[in-house]
C-alpha atoms as a PDB file:
ATOM      1  CA  UNK A   1     131.294 123.846 130.575  1.00  0.00           C
ATOM      2  CA  UNK A   2     129.243 121.601 132.937  1.00  0.00           C
ATOM      3  CA  UNK A   3     125.858 123.004 131.753  1.00  0.00           C
ATOM      4  CA  UNK A   4     127.160 122.446 128.065  1.00  0.00           C
ATOM      5  CA  UNK A   5     128.254 118.894 128.933  1.00  0.00           C
ATOM      6  CA  UNK A   6     125.099 117.863 130.277  1.00  0.00           C
ATOM      7  CA  UNK A   7     122.852 119.491 127.096  1.00  0.00           C
ATOM      8  CA  UNK A   8     125.449 117.536 124.861  1.00  0.00           C
ATOM      9  CA  UNK A   9     124.515 114.492 126.740  1.00  0.00           C
ATOM     10  CA  UNK A  10     120.831 115.427 126.958  1.00  0.00           C
ATOM     11  CA  UNK A  11     121.074 115.637 122.963  1.00  0.00           C
ATOM     12  CA  UNK A  12     122.903 112.630 122.341  1.00  0.00           C
ATOM     13  CA  UNK A  13     120.201 110.463 124.973  1.00  0.00           C
ATOM     14  CA  UNK A  14     117.729 111.583 122.708  1.00  0.00           C
ATOM     15  CA  UNK A  15     118.855 111.110 119.361  1.00  0.00           C
ATOM     16  CA  UNK A  16     119.805 107.446 120.569  1.00  0.00           C
ATOM     17  CA  UNK A  17     116.029 106.659 122.466  1.00  0.00           C
ATOM     18  CA  UNK A  18     114.970 108.158 118.531  1.00  0.00           C
ATOM     19  CA  UNK A  19     117.345 105.066 116.740  1.00  0.00           C
ATOM     20  CA  UNK A  20     116.066 102.785 119.365  1.00  0.00           C
ATOM     21  CA  UNK A  21     112.563 103.313 119.044  1.00  0.00           C
ATOM     22  CA  UNK A  22     113.014 103.400 115.224  1.00  0.00           C
ATOM     23  CA  UNK A  23     114.842 100.636 115.426  1.00  0.00           C
ATOM     24  CA  UNK A  24     112.770  98.118 117.995  1.00  0.00           C
ATOM     25  CA  UNK A  25     109.487  99.630 115.266  1.00  0.00           C
ATOM     26  CA  UNK A  26     111.279  98.345 111.510  1.00  0.00           C
ATOM     27  CA  UNK A  27     111.928  94.958 114.259  1.00  0.00           C
ATOM     28  CA  UNK A  28     108.695  94.683 115.343  1.00  0.00           C
ATOM     29  CA  UNK A  29     107.125  95.292 111.887  1.00  0.00           C
ATOM     30  CA  UNK A  30     109.455  92.684 109.933  1.00  0.00           C
ATOM     31  CA  UNK A  31     108.692  89.709 112.804  1.00  0.00           C
ATOM     32  CA  UNK A  32     104.949  90.180 112.435  1.00  0.00           C
ATOM     33  CA  UNK A  33     105.246  90.111 108.683  1.00  0.00           C
ATOM     34  CA  UNK A  34     107.259  86.529 109.180  1.00  0.00           C
ATOM     35  CA  UNK A  35     105.025  85.454 111.390  1.00  0.00           C
ATOM     36  CA  UNK A  36     102.027  86.425 109.647  1.00  0.00           C
ATOM     37  CA  UNK A  37      99.840  83.372 108.002  1.00  0.00           C
ATOM     38  CA  UNK A  38     100.382  83.789 104.469  1.00  0.00           C
END
């Protein structure tokens, strides 16, 4: 039971970090495009 819980929290943490990485990547992309001299 404890191993299963740890595995589930590990998977949840990995997916959460992946979403956060993708979100920060798109945010940086939009930020750079917005502040780039046209």
